[in-house]
Amino acid sequence: MRTTVDLSEDLIAALHALAVRRGQRGYSKIMEEAVAYYLRDQNKRDRGLKAVLELGGGWSEEEAEEVRKNLEEARRNWRT
């Protein structure tokens, strides 16, 4: 499917150079690969974030307070 994408001149030049090195006439295949890679990577990040957010509330109030105290103590003793 065809679409229009606005890119900087630097990106267009880099795409053309890569296409030439690959022996390709245009850079559509490179763009398709880049978008697919980006979407896969974004999906991994989203799953990772979801997993972290699902841990929310995993500590009891007592555990959270203990961690807070330990962090405050570490900050007070941090060498600058």
N, C-alpha and C. Protein backbone atom coordinates (compact mmCIF):
# COMPACT_ATOMS: atom_id res chain seq x y z
N MET A 1 0.84 -1.17 0.00
CA MET A 1 0.00 0.00 0.00
C MET A 1 0.89 1.24 0.00
N ARG A 2 0.52 2.19 -0.74
CA ARG A 2 1.30 3.44 -0.84
C ARG A 2 0.80 4.44 0.19
N THR A 3 1.74 5.23 0.69
CA THR A 3 1.41 6.30 1.61
C THR A 3 2.47 7.39 1.51
N THR A 4 2.19 8.52 2.07
CA THR A 4 3.15 9.63 2.06
C THR A 4 3.70 9.81 3.47
N VAL A 5 5.02 9.92 3.55
CA VAL A 5 5.69 10.14 4.82
C VAL A 5 6.66 11.30 4.64
N ASP A 6 6.59 12.28 5.53
CA ASP A 6 7.52 13.40 5.48
C ASP A 6 8.76 13.07 6.30
N LEU A 7 9.92 13.13 5.66
CA LEU A 7 11.19 12.86 6.33
C LEU A 7 12.16 13.99 6.03
N SER A 8 13.13 14.17 6.93
CA SER A 8 14.15 15.20 6.70
C SER A 8 15.03 14.80 5.52
N GLU A 9 15.70 15.79 4.96
CA GLU A 9 16.59 15.52 3.83
C GLU A 9 17.72 14.58 4.24
N ASP A 10 18.19 14.70 5.47
CA ASP A 10 19.25 13.81 5.95
C ASP A 10 18.79 12.36 5.98
N LEU A 11 17.57 12.12 6.44
CA LEU A 11 17.05 10.75 6.47
C LEU A 11 16.85 10.21 5.06
N ILE A 12 16.34 11.03 4.18
CA ILE A 12 16.15 10.59 2.79
C ILE A 12 17.50 10.21 2.17
N ALA A 13 18.51 11.04 2.40
CA ALA A 13 19.85 10.75 1.85
C ALA A 13 20.39 9.44 2.42
N ALA A 14 20.21 9.23 3.73
CA ALA A 14 20.68 7.99 4.35
C ALA A 14 19.93 6.79 3.79
N LEU A 15 18.63 6.93 3.57
CA LEU A 15 17.85 5.84 2.98
C LEU A 15 18.30 5.52 1.57
N HIS A 16 18.53 6.55 0.78
CA HIS A 16 19.02 6.34 -0.58
C HIS A 16 20.37 5.63 -0.57
N ALA A 17 21.27 6.07 0.31
CA ALA A 17 22.60 5.46 0.38
C ALA A 17 22.51 3.99 0.77
N LEU A 18 21.65 3.69 1.73
CA LEU A 18 21.48 2.30 2.15
C LEU A 18 20.90 1.46 1.03
N ALA A 19 19.92 2.00 0.32
CA ALA A 19 19.33 1.28 -0.80
C ALA A 19 20.38 0.98 -1.87
N VAL A 20 21.22 1.94 -2.16
CA VAL A 20 22.28 1.74 -3.16
C VAL A 20 23.23 0.63 -2.70
N ARG A 21 23.62 0.67 -1.43
CA ARG A 21 24.53 -0.37 -0.91
C ARG A 21 23.90 -1.75 -0.99
N ARG A 22 22.58 -1.82 -0.85
CA ARG A 22 21.86 -3.09 -0.92
C ARG A 22 21.53 -3.48 -2.36
N GLY A 23 21.78 -2.59 -3.28
CA GLY A 23 21.44 -2.86 -4.68
C GLY A 23 19.96 -2.75 -4.97
N GLN A 24 19.27 -1.94 -4.20
CA GLN A 24 17.83 -1.75 -4.39
C GLN A 24 17.59 -0.43 -5.11
N ARG A 25 16.53 -0.40 -5.92
CA ARG A 25 16.20 0.81 -6.67
C ARG A 25 15.63 1.91 -5.78
N GLY A 26 14.83 1.54 -4.83
CA GLY A 26 14.21 2.51 -3.94
C GLY A 26 14.40 2.10 -2.50
N TYR A 27 13.75 2.82 -1.61
CA TYR A 27 13.93 2.50 -0.20
C TYR A 27 12.64 2.06 0.48
N SER A 28 11.66 1.65 -0.30
CA SER A 28 10.40 1.19 0.29
C SER A 28 10.59 -0.02 1.19
N LYS A 29 11.40 -0.98 0.75
CA LYS A 29 11.65 -2.19 1.55
C LYS A 29 12.34 -1.81 2.86
N ILE A 30 13.27 -0.87 2.80
CA ILE A 30 13.97 -0.44 4.01
C ILE A 30 12.99 0.22 4.97
N MET A 31 12.11 1.06 4.43
CA MET A 31 11.09 1.71 5.27
C MET A 31 10.17 0.68 5.92
N GLU A 32 9.77 -0.32 5.15
CA GLU A 32 8.90 -1.37 5.69
C GLU A 32 9.60 -2.12 6.82
N GLU A 33 10.87 -2.46 6.62
CA GLU A 33 11.65 -3.13 7.66
C GLU A 33 11.77 -2.26 8.90
N ALA A 34 12.02 -0.97 8.70
CA ALA A 34 12.20 -0.05 9.83
C ALA A 34 10.92 0.08 10.64
N VAL A 35 9.80 0.22 9.97
CA VAL A 35 8.52 0.36 10.67
C VAL A 35 8.19 -0.94 11.40
N ALA A 36 8.41 -2.07 10.76
CA ALA A 36 8.14 -3.36 11.41
C ALA A 36 9.01 -3.52 12.65
N TYR A 37 10.28 -3.17 12.54
CA TYR A 37 11.19 -3.25 13.69
C TYR A 37 10.72 -2.33 14.80
N TYR A 38 10.37 -1.11 14.46
CA TYR A 38 9.90 -0.15 15.47
C TYR A 38 8.65 -0.67 16.18
N LEU A 39 7.70 -1.19 15.43
CA LEU A 39 6.46 -1.67 16.04
C LEU A 39 6.71 -2.88 16.93
N ARG A 40 7.61 -3.79 16.52
CA ARG A 40 7.97 -4.93 17.38
C ARG A 40 8.61 -4.44 18.67
N ASP A 41 9.53 -3.49 18.54
CA ASP A 41 10.22 -2.95 19.70
C ASP A 41 9.23 -2.23 20.63
N GLN A 42 8.33 -1.46 20.06
CA GLN A 42 7.33 -0.75 20.86
C GLN A 42 6.44 -1.73 21.59
N ASN A 43 6.07 -2.81 20.92
CA ASN A 43 5.23 -3.83 21.54
C ASN A 43 5.95 -4.46 22.74
N LYS A 44 7.26 -4.72 22.59
CA LYS A 44 8.03 -5.27 23.71
C LYS A 44 8.05 -4.29 24.88
N ARG A 45 8.25 -3.00 24.58
CA ARG A 45 8.26 -1.98 25.64
C ARG A 45 6.92 -1.92 26.35
N ASP A 46 5.85 -1.96 25.55
CA ASP A 46 4.51 -1.90 26.14
C ASP A 46 4.26 -3.09 27.06
N ARG A 47 4.69 -4.29 26.63
CA ARG A 47 4.52 -5.47 27.47
C ARG A 47 5.34 -5.35 28.74
N GLY A 48 6.56 -4.81 28.61
CA GLY A 48 7.41 -4.63 29.78
C GLY A 48 6.82 -3.65 30.76
N LEU A 49 6.31 -2.54 30.24
CA LEU A 49 5.67 -1.54 31.10
C LEU A 49 4.45 -2.12 31.79
N LYS A 50 3.66 -2.88 31.04
CA LYS A 50 2.47 -3.49 31.63
C LYS A 50 2.86 -4.43 32.77
N ALA A 51 3.92 -5.20 32.56
CA ALA A 51 4.37 -6.13 33.60
C ALA A 51 4.82 -5.37 34.84
N VAL A 52 5.52 -4.27 34.64
CA VAL A 52 5.96 -3.47 35.79
C VAL A 52 4.76 -2.87 36.51
N LEU A 53 3.82 -2.32 35.75
CA LEU A 53 2.65 -1.70 36.38
C LEU A 53 1.80 -2.72 37.13
N GLU A 54 1.80 -3.97 36.65
CA GLU A 54 1.03 -5.00 37.34
C GLU A 54 1.64 -5.35 38.69
N LEU A 55 2.90 -4.98 38.88
CA LEU A 55 3.55 -5.22 40.17
C LEU A 55 3.15 -4.18 41.21
N GLY A 56 2.48 -3.11 40.74
CA GLY A 56 2.08 -2.04 41.64
C GLY A 56 1.37 -2.58 42.86
N GLY A 57 1.74 -2.04 44.01
CA GLY A 57 1.12 -2.49 45.24
C GLY A 57 1.65 -3.84 45.71
N GLY A 58 2.77 -4.28 45.17
CA GLY A 58 3.33 -5.57 45.54
C GLY A 58 3.92 -5.59 46.93
N TRP A 59 4.25 -4.44 47.48
CA TRP A 59 4.81 -4.34 48.83
C TRP A 59 3.71 -3.97 49.81
N SER A 60 3.86 -4.47 51.00
CA SER A 60 2.96 -4.03 52.06
C SER A 60 3.38 -2.62 52.47
N GLU A 61 2.55 -1.96 53.23
CA GLU A 61 2.88 -0.61 53.71
C GLU A 61 4.16 -0.64 54.54
N GLU A 62 4.32 -1.68 55.33
CA GLU A 62 5.51 -1.80 56.18
C GLU A 62 6.77 -1.96 55.31
N GLU A 63 6.68 -2.80 54.28
CA GLU A 63 7.83 -2.99 53.39
C GLU A 63 8.17 -1.69 52.66
N ALA A 64 7.15 -1.00 52.18
CA ALA A 64 7.37 0.26 51.47
C ALA A 64 8.02 1.29 52.39
N GLU A 65 7.57 1.35 53.63
CA GLU A 65 8.15 2.30 54.59
C GLU A 65 9.60 1.95 54.89
N GLU A 66 9.91 0.68 55.00
CA GLU A 66 11.29 0.24 55.24
C GLU A 66 12.19 0.64 54.07
N VAL A 67 11.71 0.46 52.85
CA VAL A 67 12.48 0.85 51.66
C VAL A 67 12.69 2.36 51.65
N ARG A 68 11.64 3.12 51.97
CA ARG A 68 11.76 4.58 52.03
C ARG A 68 12.83 5.00 53.03
N LYS A 69 12.81 4.39 54.19
CA LYS A 69 13.79 4.72 55.23
C LYS A 69 15.21 4.39 54.74
N ASN A 70 15.37 3.23 54.12
CA ASN A 70 16.69 2.83 53.62
C ASN A 70 17.19 3.79 52.55
N LEU A 71 16.29 4.23 51.68
CA LEU A 71 16.68 5.17 50.63
C LEU A 71 17.08 6.52 51.23
N GLU A 72 16.31 7.00 52.20
CA GLU A 72 16.64 8.26 52.85
C GLU A 72 18.00 8.17 53.53
N GLU A 73 18.26 7.05 54.20
CA GLU A 73 19.55 6.86 54.86
C GLU A 73 20.68 6.84 53.84
N ALA A 74 20.47 6.14 52.75
CA ALA A 74 21.49 6.08 51.69
C ALA A 74 21.76 7.46 51.11
N ARG A 75 20.71 8.25 50.93
CA ARG A 75 20.88 9.61 50.40
C ARG A 75 21.64 10.52 51.37
N ARG A 76 21.37 10.37 52.64
CA ARG A 76 22.08 11.17 53.64
C ARG A 76 23.56 10.85 53.66
N ASN A 77 23.91 9.61 53.41
CA ASN A 77 25.30 9.17 53.47
C ASN A 77 26.00 9.18 52.11
N TRP A 78 25.30 9.62 51.09
CA TRP A 78 25.87 9.62 49.73
C TRP A 78 27.00 10.63 49.62
N ARG A 79 28.13 10.18 49.12
CA ARG A 79 29.27 11.08 48.93
C ARG A 79 29.08 11.90 47.67
N THR A 80 29.32 13.19 47.76
CA THR A 80 29.18 14.05 46.59
C THR A 80 30.51 14.59 46.14
